[in-house]
Protein backbone atom coordinates (compact mmCIF):
# COMPACT_ATOMS: atom_id res chain seq x y z
CA MET A 1 0.00 0.00 0.00
CA ASP A 2 1.26 3.49 -0.79
CA ILE A 3 0.62 6.79 1.01
CA ASP A 4 -2.09 7.83 -1.48
CA SER A 5 -4.08 4.62 -0.98
CA TRP A 6 -3.67 4.76 2.78
CA LEU A 7 -4.79 8.40 3.00
CA HIS A 8 -7.79 7.55 0.80
CA SER A 9 -8.69 4.62 3.07
CA ILE A 10 -8.90 6.93 6.10
CA GLY A 11 -10.72 9.70 4.24
CA LEU A 12 -7.79 12.14 4.09
CA ASP A 13 -6.87 11.83 0.42
CA ARG A 14 -7.05 15.61 0.07
CA TYR A 15 -3.54 15.71 1.65
CA ALA A 16 -1.93 13.17 -0.71
CA GLN A 17 -0.18 15.77 -2.87
CA ILE A 18 1.19 17.64 0.17
CA PHE A 19 2.59 14.40 1.56
CA ARG A 20 4.19 13.49 -1.78
CA GLU A 21 5.71 16.99 -2.10
CA ASN A 22 7.25 16.57 1.37
CA ALA A 23 8.54 13.03 0.72
CA VAL A 24 6.21 11.52 3.33
CA ASP A 25 5.57 7.85 2.67
CA LEU A 26 4.23 5.05 4.86
CA SER A 27 7.64 4.46 6.43
CA VAL A 28 7.59 8.03 7.78
CA VAL A 29 3.96 8.06 8.96
CA PRO A 30 4.61 6.54 12.44
CA TYR A 31 7.18 9.25 13.19
CA LEU A 32 4.99 12.24 12.34
CA THR A 33 3.84 14.37 15.24
CA ASP A 34 0.91 16.70 15.62
CA GLU A 35 3.33 19.60 15.08
CA ASP A 36 4.61 18.08 11.82
CA LEU A 37 1.08 17.67 10.53
CA GLU A 38 0.19 21.23 11.51
CA LYS A 39 3.22 22.52 9.55
CA LEU A 40 1.97 20.57 6.54
CA GLY A 41 -1.38 22.36 6.84
CA VAL A 42 -3.46 19.44 8.10
CA LEU A 43 -6.58 20.61 9.95
CA LEU A 44 -6.92 19.83 13.68
CA GLY A 45 -9.66 17.21 13.34
CA HIS A 46 -7.83 15.59 10.47
CA ARG A 47 -4.60 15.53 12.52
CA ARG A 48 -6.36 13.58 15.27
CA LYS A 49 -7.83 11.17 12.72
CA PHE A 50 -4.42 10.77 11.04
CA LEU A 51 -2.56 10.09 14.29
CA ARG A 52 -5.13 7.50 15.39
CA ALA A 53 -4.90 5.74 12.01
CA ALA A 54 -1.09 5.92 12.11
CA ALA A 55 -1.10 4.14 15.47
CA GLU A 56 -3.43 1.48 14.07
CA LEU A 57 -1.22 1.13 10.99
CA GLY A 58 1.77 0.48 13.22
CA ALA A 59 -0.20 -2.04 15.29
CA VAL A 60 -1.18 -3.99 12.15
CA ASP A 61 2.27 -4.00 10.50
CA LYS A 62 4.67 -4.97 13.27
CA SER A 63 7.72 -4.38 11.06
CA ALA A 64 6.67 -0.87 10.03
CA SER A 65 7.81 1.11 13.04
CA PRO A 66 8.25 1.30 16.79
CA VAL A 67 4.58 2.38 17.04
CA ALA A 68 3.84 -1.33 16.72
CA LEU A 69 5.16 -1.82 20.25
CA THR A 70 2.29 0.10 21.83
CA ALA A 71 -0.62 -1.78 23.37
CA THR A 72 -4.16 -0.92 24.28
CA ALA A 73 -5.88 -1.45 27.59
CA PRO A 74 -8.36 -4.32 27.75
CA PRO A 75 -11.99 -3.22 27.92
CA ARG A 76 -13.39 -2.92 31.42
CA LYS A 77 -16.58 -4.75 32.34
CA HIS A 78 -17.90 -1.84 34.34
CA ASP A 79 -16.92 1.77 34.67
CA ALA A 80 -15.90 2.09 38.32
CA ALA A 81 -13.44 4.58 39.71
CA GLU A 82 -10.11 3.16 40.72
CA ARG A 83 -7.30 4.92 42.54
CA ARG A 84 -3.86 3.92 41.38
CA GLN A 85 -0.33 5.20 41.28
CA LEU A 86 0.77 6.23 37.80
CA THR A 87 4.29 7.25 36.84
CA ILE A 88 4.79 9.10 33.57
CA MET A 89 8.19 9.31 31.88
CA PHE A 90 9.33 11.11 28.75
CA CYS A 91 12.69 10.15 27.20
CA ASP A 92 14.24 12.40 24.60
CA LEU A 93 17.24 11.75 22.37
CA VAL A 94 19.71 14.49 23.35
CA GLY A 95 21.46 16.19 20.45
CA SER A 96 19.10 14.95 17.76
CA THR A 97 18.74 18.42 16.21
CA ALA A 98 22.49 18.69 15.74
CA LEU A 99 22.55 15.11 14.50
CA SER A 100 19.86 15.91 11.93
CA THR A 101 22.17 18.47 10.29
CA ARG A 102 24.89 15.85 9.84
CA LEU A 103 22.88 12.81 8.70
CA ASP A 104 20.68 12.03 5.74
CA PRO A 105 16.99 11.84 6.70
CA GLU A 106 16.95 8.08 6.08
CA ASP A 107 19.95 7.54 8.34
CA LEU A 108 18.47 9.78 11.03
CA ARG A 109 15.22 7.80 10.85
CA GLU A 110 17.20 4.59 11.45
CA VAL A 111 19.03 6.12 14.43
CA ILE A 112 15.81 7.42 15.99
CA GLY A 113 14.04 4.12 15.27
CA ALA A 114 16.83 2.15 16.95
CA TYR A 115 16.78 4.55 19.94
CA GLN A 116 13.00 4.24 20.32
CA SER A 117 13.14 0.46 19.96
CA CYS A 118 15.81 0.25 22.67
CA CYS A 119 13.74 2.50 24.95
CA ALA A 120 10.66 0.37 24.32
CA ASP A 121 12.54 -2.82 25.22
CA ILE A 122 13.75 -1.31 28.49
CA ILE A 123 10.34 0.19 29.32
CA THR A 124 8.40 -3.01 28.64
CA GLY A 125 11.07 -5.01 30.49
CA ALA A 126 10.34 -2.83 33.53
CA LYS A 127 6.58 -3.50 33.12
CA GLY A 128 6.01 -0.08 31.55
CA PHE A 129 3.69 0.87 28.72
CA VAL A 130 4.85 2.84 25.68
CA ALA A 131 2.09 5.40 25.26
CA ARG A 132 3.41 7.34 22.29
CA TYR A 133 6.40 8.10 20.14
CA MET A 134 6.80 11.85 19.78
CA GLY A 135 9.44 12.93 17.29
CA ASP A 136 12.66 11.62 18.79
CA GLY A 137 11.09 10.96 22.19
CA VAL A 138 9.18 8.22 23.95
CA LEU A 139 6.27 8.77 26.36
CA ALA A 140 5.86 5.89 28.81
CA TYR A 141 3.51 5.01 31.66
CA PHE A 142 4.24 2.77 34.60
CA GLY A 143 1.23 1.45 36.52
CA TYR A 144 -0.94 1.46 33.36
CA PRO A 145 -2.89 -0.31 31.78
CA PRO A 146 -5.19 -1.85 34.39
CA GLY A 147 -3.70 -4.97 35.86
CA ALA A 148 -0.14 -3.70 35.46
CA ARG A 149 1.58 -3.28 38.79
CA THR A 150 4.94 -1.64 39.37
């Protein structure tokens, strides 16, 4: 599947030309942030729809990107309040801006992908949950989803 077909399948084919002009293909999709999409001129509602579909794309194609490592919480049988301790962590690759001036975009994508994959392995090994990949960073939760204890 190419970017045009994928955008059409999620009802955002109006952005296909913009994505082609900016060399955005399906291998780049999991790394796009809300800020990236805003710079491309994608409307707010469409950004939310795009990001949700990008996460689903990563979950379907496990080899596509580190987004595939995220998981969803199992559905709850009843909606009852529950008090729990939640730890939130954000890891950022230091010096990535300077690195981006020295590397080709493809090489930088590999470096960031390897960094995020390594972070995900460590986080999941410590019973954490990778909530989101944001640019060159990783947002993780500990004590989430339900049933996960730290």
